[in-house]
Amino acid sequence: MNEILTQEKSIYLQISEMIENDILRDIILEEERVPSTNELAKLYTINPATAAKGVNILVENGTLYKKRGIGMFVSSGAKEAIRKRRKNEFYDNYVRTLIEEAKGLGISKEELLTMIKEA
């Protein structure tokens, strides 16, 4: 968790994404404790409530769960769930748009695949 916060999106969303990134990179493993909201707040010099909002997103979607009195932990299966959701988002946000633009320009599937292979 040594990424830098930017102005591009809300801090709490960046906190959530950074934790997910660490899970995908096996920096934080399933069933392992994640940094507390106070630890995150201190690390990034942000308000603990902002850090909590980012963590709560992950609790709500099942990526993290709370062990009372101990902290937040990565759920079993979280890594694969994150990967699957991000693949779907990638398709919806980039691939689908690319295909629609290619169709509008009259680029065939073959031409598009050739362009991708040469990139």
N, C-alpha and C. Protein backbone atom coordinates (compact mmCIF):
# COMPACT_ATOMS: atom_id res chain seq x y z
N MET A 1 0.83 -1.18 0.00
CA MET A 1 0.00 0.00 0.00
C MET A 1 0.88 1.24 0.00
N ASN A 2 1.66 1.39 -1.02
CA ASN A 2 2.49 2.57 -1.09
C ASN A 2 2.23 3.34 -2.38
N GLU A 3 0.98 3.32 -2.81
CA GLU A 3 0.60 4.10 -3.98
C GLU A 3 0.35 5.54 -3.55
N ILE A 4 0.29 6.42 -4.51
CA ILE A 4 0.10 7.84 -4.23
C ILE A 4 -1.33 8.24 -4.58
N LEU A 5 -1.97 8.98 -3.69
CA LEU A 5 -3.31 9.48 -3.95
C LEU A 5 -3.25 10.59 -4.98
N THR A 6 -4.26 10.65 -5.84
CA THR A 6 -4.31 11.67 -6.89
C THR A 6 -5.59 12.47 -6.76
N GLN A 7 -5.72 13.47 -7.60
CA GLN A 7 -6.92 14.32 -7.64
C GLN A 7 -7.96 13.78 -8.63
N GLU A 8 -7.63 12.69 -9.32
CA GLU A 8 -8.50 12.19 -10.40
C GLU A 8 -9.85 11.67 -9.92
N LYS A 9 -9.89 11.09 -8.73
CA LYS A 9 -11.15 10.57 -8.21
C LYS A 9 -11.16 10.68 -6.70
N SER A 10 -12.29 10.41 -6.10
CA SER A 10 -12.44 10.54 -4.65
C SER A 10 -11.43 9.67 -3.91
N ILE A 11 -10.93 10.19 -2.80
CA ILE A 11 -9.91 9.49 -2.02
C ILE A 11 -10.42 8.14 -1.53
N TYR A 12 -11.66 8.09 -1.07
CA TYR A 12 -12.17 6.82 -0.55
C TYR A 12 -12.22 5.75 -1.63
N LEU A 13 -12.50 6.14 -2.88
CA LEU A 13 -12.49 5.18 -3.99
C LEU A 13 -11.06 4.70 -4.26
N GLN A 14 -10.10 5.60 -4.15
CA GLN A 14 -8.70 5.23 -4.36
C GLN A 14 -8.23 4.27 -3.27
N ILE A 15 -8.65 4.50 -2.03
CA ILE A 15 -8.30 3.60 -0.93
C ILE A 15 -8.85 2.20 -1.22
N SER A 16 -10.10 2.14 -1.63
CA SER A 16 -10.74 0.88 -1.97
C SER A 16 -9.98 0.16 -3.09
N GLU A 17 -9.63 0.90 -4.14
CA GLU A 17 -8.91 0.32 -5.27
C GLU A 17 -7.51 -0.14 -4.88
N MET A 18 -6.84 0.62 -4.01
CA MET A 18 -5.49 0.24 -3.59
C MET A 18 -5.51 -1.08 -2.82
N ILE A 19 -6.50 -1.25 -1.97
CA ILE A 19 -6.62 -2.51 -1.24
C ILE A 19 -6.89 -3.64 -2.22
N GLU A 20 -7.79 -3.41 -3.17
CA GLU A 20 -8.06 -4.43 -4.20
C GLU A 20 -6.79 -4.76 -4.99
N ASN A 21 -6.03 -3.74 -5.37
CA ASN A 21 -4.79 -3.96 -6.12
C ASN A 21 -3.82 -4.82 -5.31
N ASP A 22 -3.72 -4.54 -4.02
CA ASP A 22 -2.82 -5.33 -3.17
C ASP A 22 -3.30 -6.78 -3.06
N ILE A 23 -4.60 -6.98 -3.08
CA ILE A 23 -5.14 -8.35 -3.07
C ILE A 23 -4.80 -9.05 -4.39
N LEU A 24 -4.99 -8.36 -5.50
CA LEU A 24 -4.68 -8.95 -6.81
C LEU A 24 -3.19 -9.27 -6.96
N ARG A 25 -2.33 -8.47 -6.35
CA ARG A 25 -0.88 -8.68 -6.45
C ARG A 25 -0.34 -9.62 -5.37
N ASP A 26 -1.23 -10.19 -4.57
CA ASP A 26 -0.84 -11.08 -3.47
C ASP A 26 0.01 -10.38 -2.41
N ILE A 27 -0.15 -9.08 -2.29
CA ILE A 27 0.50 -8.35 -1.20
C ILE A 27 -0.30 -8.56 0.07
N ILE A 28 -1.63 -8.57 -0.09
CA ILE A 28 -2.53 -8.94 1.00
C ILE A 28 -3.25 -10.21 0.54
N LEU A 29 -3.12 -11.27 1.30
CA LEU A 29 -3.69 -12.55 0.92
C LEU A 29 -5.08 -12.74 1.51
N GLU A 30 -5.82 -13.68 0.94
CA GLU A 30 -7.14 -14.00 1.46
C GLU A 30 -7.00 -14.50 2.90
N GLU A 31 -7.94 -14.10 3.73
CA GLU A 31 -7.98 -14.41 5.16
C GLU A 31 -6.91 -13.67 5.95
N GLU A 32 -6.24 -12.70 5.32
CA GLU A 32 -5.23 -11.89 5.99
C GLU A 32 -5.83 -10.55 6.40
N ARG A 33 -5.33 -9.97 7.49
CA ARG A 33 -5.81 -8.68 7.99
C ARG A 33 -5.34 -7.56 7.07
N VAL A 34 -6.24 -6.60 6.82
CA VAL A 34 -5.88 -5.41 6.05
C VAL A 34 -5.59 -4.27 7.04
N PRO A 35 -4.88 -3.24 6.60
CA PRO A 35 -4.62 -2.11 7.50
C PRO A 35 -5.93 -1.51 8.02
N SER A 36 -5.90 -1.09 9.27
CA SER A 36 -7.09 -0.47 9.87
C SER A 36 -7.32 0.91 9.26
N THR A 37 -8.50 1.44 9.51
CA THR A 37 -8.80 2.78 9.00
C THR A 37 -7.85 3.81 9.60
N ASN A 38 -7.49 3.63 10.87
CA ASN A 38 -6.54 4.56 11.49
C ASN A 38 -5.16 4.43 10.87
N GLU A 39 -4.74 3.21 10.54
CA GLU A 39 -3.45 3.01 9.88
C GLU A 39 -3.46 3.63 8.50
N LEU A 40 -4.53 3.45 7.77
CA LEU A 40 -4.65 4.06 6.44
C LEU A 40 -4.66 5.58 6.53
N ALA A 41 -5.39 6.10 7.51
CA ALA A 41 -5.47 7.56 7.69
C ALA A 41 -4.09 8.14 7.98
N LYS A 42 -3.33 7.46 8.82
CA LYS A 42 -1.99 7.93 9.16
C LYS A 42 -1.05 7.82 7.96
N LEU A 43 -1.11 6.70 7.25
CA LEU A 43 -0.25 6.45 6.10
C LEU A 43 -0.45 7.50 5.01
N TYR A 44 -1.71 7.85 4.74
CA TYR A 44 -2.02 8.77 3.64
C TYR A 44 -2.38 10.18 4.12
N THR A 45 -2.24 10.42 5.41
CA THR A 45 -2.62 11.70 6.03
C THR A 45 -4.00 12.17 5.54
N ILE A 46 -4.96 11.30 5.80
CA ILE A 46 -6.35 11.58 5.46
C ILE A 46 -7.21 11.40 6.70
N ASN A 47 -8.44 11.83 6.63
CA ASN A 47 -9.39 11.67 7.72
C ASN A 47 -9.74 10.19 7.87
N PRO A 48 -9.76 9.66 9.11
CA PRO A 48 -10.13 8.26 9.30
C PRO A 48 -11.51 7.91 8.73
N ALA A 49 -12.42 8.88 8.73
CA ALA A 49 -13.76 8.64 8.16
C ALA A 49 -13.68 8.38 6.66
N THR A 50 -12.76 9.05 5.98
CA THR A 50 -12.56 8.84 4.55
C THR A 50 -12.00 7.43 4.30
N ALA A 51 -11.02 7.04 5.11
CA ALA A 51 -10.46 5.70 4.99
C ALA A 51 -11.54 4.65 5.27
N ALA A 52 -12.37 4.91 6.27
CA ALA A 52 -13.44 3.97 6.62
C ALA A 52 -14.44 3.83 5.48
N LYS A 53 -14.71 4.92 4.79
CA LYS A 53 -15.64 4.87 3.65
C LYS A 53 -15.10 3.95 2.55
N GLY A 54 -13.79 4.04 2.29
CA GLY A 54 -13.17 3.16 1.29
C GLY A 54 -13.21 1.71 1.70
N VAL A 55 -12.92 1.45 2.97
CA VAL A 55 -12.96 0.08 3.48
C VAL A 55 -14.38 -0.47 3.45
N ASN A 56 -15.35 0.38 3.80
CA ASN A 56 -16.75 -0.07 3.84
C ASN A 56 -17.28 -0.48 2.47
N ILE A 57 -16.77 0.13 1.42
CA ILE A 57 -17.15 -0.30 0.07
C ILE A 57 -16.79 -1.77 -0.11
N LEU A 58 -15.61 -2.13 0.36
CA LEU A 58 -15.13 -3.51 0.21
C LEU A 58 -15.88 -4.47 1.12
N VAL A 59 -16.34 -3.99 2.26
CA VAL A 59 -17.16 -4.81 3.15
C VAL A 59 -18.52 -5.07 2.50
N GLU A 60 -19.09 -4.00 1.93
CA GLU A 60 -20.41 -4.11 1.31
C GLU A 60 -20.42 -5.06 0.12
N ASN A 61 -19.31 -5.10 -0.65
CA ASN A 61 -19.31 -6.00 -1.81
C ASN A 61 -18.73 -7.37 -1.48
N GLY A 62 -18.42 -7.62 -0.20
CA GLY A 62 -17.99 -8.95 0.22
C GLY A 62 -16.51 -9.22 0.10
N THR A 63 -15.72 -8.23 -0.27
CA THR A 63 -14.28 -8.41 -0.40
C THR A 63 -13.62 -8.54 0.98
N LEU A 64 -14.11 -7.76 1.93
CA LEU A 64 -13.58 -7.79 3.30
C LEU A 64 -14.69 -8.17 4.27
N TYR A 65 -14.28 -8.69 5.41
CA TYR A 65 -15.22 -8.95 6.49
C TYR A 65 -14.55 -8.57 7.81
N LYS A 66 -15.38 -8.29 8.80
CA LYS A 66 -14.88 -7.82 10.09
C LYS A 66 -14.83 -8.95 11.10
N LYS A 67 -13.72 -9.04 11.80
CA LYS A 67 -13.60 -9.90 12.97
C LYS A 67 -13.63 -8.95 14.16
N ARG A 68 -14.70 -9.01 14.89
CA ARG A 68 -14.92 -8.07 15.99
C ARG A 68 -13.72 -8.04 16.94
N GLY A 69 -13.23 -6.82 17.16
CA GLY A 69 -12.13 -6.61 18.08
C GLY A 69 -10.76 -6.89 17.49
N ILE A 70 -10.71 -7.42 16.26
CA ILE A 70 -9.42 -7.76 15.65
C ILE A 70 -9.14 -6.90 14.43
N GLY A 71 -10.13 -6.71 13.57
CA GLY A 71 -9.94 -5.90 12.38
C GLY A 71 -10.67 -6.44 11.17
N MET A 72 -10.31 -5.92 10.03
CA MET A 72 -10.89 -6.33 8.75
C MET A 72 -9.97 -7.33 8.07
N PHE A 73 -10.59 -8.32 7.44
CA PHE A 73 -9.84 -9.39 6.79
C PHE A 73 -10.37 -9.60 5.37
N VAL A 74 -9.48 -10.11 4.51
CA VAL A 74 -9.86 -10.40 3.13
C VAL A 74 -10.67 -11.69 3.11
N SER A 75 -11.80 -11.65 2.46
CA SER A 75 -12.68 -12.81 2.35
C SER A 75 -12.08 -13.88 1.45
N SER A 76 -12.41 -15.10 1.73
CA SER A 76 -12.02 -16.20 0.86
C SER A 76 -12.70 -16.02 -0.49
N GLY A 77 -11.97 -16.16 -1.57
CA GLY A 77 -12.52 -15.99 -2.91
C GLY A 77 -12.53 -14.55 -3.40
N ALA A 78 -12.03 -13.62 -2.58
CA ALA A 78 -12.07 -12.20 -2.94
C ALA A 78 -11.23 -11.90 -4.17
N LYS A 79 -10.07 -12.51 -4.28
CA LYS A 79 -9.17 -12.22 -5.40
C LYS A 79 -9.85 -12.55 -6.73
N GLU A 80 -10.45 -13.71 -6.82
CA GLU A 80 -11.11 -14.11 -8.06
C GLU A 80 -12.33 -13.24 -8.33
N ALA A 81 -13.06 -12.87 -7.30
CA ALA A 81 -14.23 -12.00 -7.47
C ALA A 81 -13.81 -10.62 -7.99
N ILE A 82 -12.71 -10.09 -7.46
CA ILE A 82 -12.21 -8.79 -7.93
C ILE A 82 -11.79 -8.90 -9.39
N ARG A 83 -11.05 -9.95 -9.70
CA ARG A 83 -10.58 -10.15 -11.08
C ARG A 83 -11.76 -10.25 -12.05
N LYS A 84 -12.77 -11.01 -11.68
CA LYS A 84 -13.94 -11.18 -12.55
C LYS A 84 -14.68 -9.85 -12.75
N ARG A 85 -14.90 -9.11 -11.65
CA ARG A 85 -15.59 -7.83 -11.76
C ARG A 85 -14.80 -6.85 -12.62
N ARG A 86 -13.48 -6.80 -12.42
CA ARG A 86 -12.66 -5.87 -13.19
C ARG A 86 -12.59 -6.26 -14.66
N LYS A 87 -12.60 -7.56 -14.97
CA LYS A 87 -12.64 -7.98 -16.37
C LYS A 87 -13.92 -7.51 -17.03
N ASN A 88 -15.04 -7.66 -16.32
CA ASN A 88 -16.33 -7.21 -16.85
C ASN A 88 -16.34 -5.70 -17.05
N GLU A 89 -15.80 -4.96 -16.08
CA GLU A 89 -15.73 -3.51 -16.20
C GLU A 89 -14.83 -3.10 -17.37
N PHE A 90 -13.72 -3.80 -17.55
CA PHE A 90 -12.81 -3.52 -18.66
C PHE A 90 -13.52 -3.71 -19.99
N TYR A 91 -14.26 -4.81 -20.09
CA TYR A 91 -15.00 -5.06 -21.32
C TYR A 91 -16.02 -3.95 -21.57
N ASP A 92 -16.81 -3.65 -20.53
CA ASP A 92 -17.86 -2.65 -20.69
C ASP A 92 -17.31 -1.26 -20.96
N ASN A 93 -16.22 -0.88 -20.31
CA ASN A 93 -15.70 0.48 -20.42
C ASN A 93 -14.75 0.70 -21.59
N TYR A 94 -14.08 -0.35 -22.05
CA TYR A 94 -13.07 -0.16 -23.09
C TYR A 94 -13.35 -0.98 -24.35
N VAL A 95 -13.50 -2.27 -24.20
CA VAL A 95 -13.63 -3.13 -25.37
C VAL A 95 -14.91 -2.84 -26.13
N ARG A 96 -16.02 -2.76 -25.43
CA ARG A 96 -17.30 -2.48 -26.09
C ARG A 96 -17.24 -1.15 -26.84
N THR A 97 -16.67 -0.13 -26.21
CA THR A 97 -16.53 1.18 -26.84
C THR A 97 -15.63 1.10 -28.07
N LEU A 98 -14.55 0.36 -27.95
CA LEU A 98 -13.62 0.18 -29.07
C LEU A 98 -14.32 -0.49 -30.25
N ILE A 99 -15.07 -1.53 -29.97
CA ILE A 99 -15.78 -2.26 -31.03
C ILE A 99 -16.81 -1.37 -31.71
N GLU A 100 -17.55 -0.62 -30.92
CA GLU A 100 -18.56 0.28 -31.49
C GLU A 100 -17.92 1.36 -32.37
N GLU A 101 -16.79 1.90 -31.91
CA GLU A 101 -16.09 2.92 -32.70
C GLU A 101 -15.56 2.30 -33.99
N ALA A 102 -15.01 1.09 -33.90
CA ALA A 102 -14.49 0.41 -35.09
C ALA A 102 -15.61 0.17 -36.10
N LYS A 103 -16.76 -0.27 -35.63
CA LYS A 103 -17.91 -0.48 -36.53
C LYS A 103 -18.29 0.83 -37.22
N GLY A 104 -18.31 1.91 -36.46
CA GLY A 104 -18.67 3.21 -37.01
C GLY A 104 -17.68 3.69 -38.07
N LEU A 105 -16.43 3.25 -37.95
CA LEU A 105 -15.41 3.63 -38.92
C LEU A 105 -15.29 2.62 -40.06
N GLY A 106 -16.10 1.58 -40.01
CA GLY A 106 -16.07 0.56 -41.07
C GLY A 106 -14.88 -0.38 -40.97
N ILE A 107 -14.31 -0.52 -39.77
CA ILE A 107 -13.18 -1.44 -39.57
C ILE A 107 -13.74 -2.83 -39.30
N SER A 108 -13.27 -3.80 -40.08
CA SER A 108 -13.75 -5.17 -39.90
C SER A 108 -13.10 -5.80 -38.67
N LYS A 109 -13.65 -6.94 -38.22
CA LYS A 109 -13.08 -7.67 -37.09
C LYS A 109 -11.63 -8.05 -37.37
N GLU A 110 -11.40 -8.48 -38.60
CA GLU A 110 -10.05 -8.91 -38.99
C GLU A 110 -9.06 -7.75 -38.91
N GLU A 111 -9.49 -6.59 -39.44
CA GLU A 111 -8.62 -5.41 -39.38
C GLU A 111 -8.35 -5.00 -37.93
N LEU A 112 -9.39 -5.04 -37.12
CA LEU A 112 -9.25 -4.67 -35.71
C LEU A 112 -8.30 -5.62 -34.99
N LEU A 113 -8.45 -6.92 -35.23
CA LEU A 113 -7.55 -7.90 -34.62
C LEU A 113 -6.12 -7.70 -35.07
N THR A 114 -5.93 -7.38 -36.34
CA THR A 114 -4.58 -7.12 -36.86
C THR A 114 -3.99 -5.91 -36.16
N MET A 115 -4.78 -4.86 -35.98
CA MET A 115 -4.30 -3.66 -35.29
C MET A 115 -3.89 -3.99 -33.85
N ILE A 116 -4.70 -4.81 -33.19
CA ILE A 116 -4.41 -5.17 -31.81
C ILE A 116 -3.15 -6.01 -31.72
N LYS A 117 -2.98 -6.95 -32.64
CA LYS A 117 -1.79 -7.80 -32.63
C LYS A 117 -0.53 -7.00 -32.89
N GLU A 118 -0.64 -5.94 -33.72
CA GLU A 118 0.54 -5.13 -34.06
C GLU A 118 0.85 -4.10 -32.99
N ALA A 119 -0.07 -3.88 -32.08
CA ALA A 119 0.14 -2.86 -31.02
C ALA A 119 1.15 -3.32 -29.99
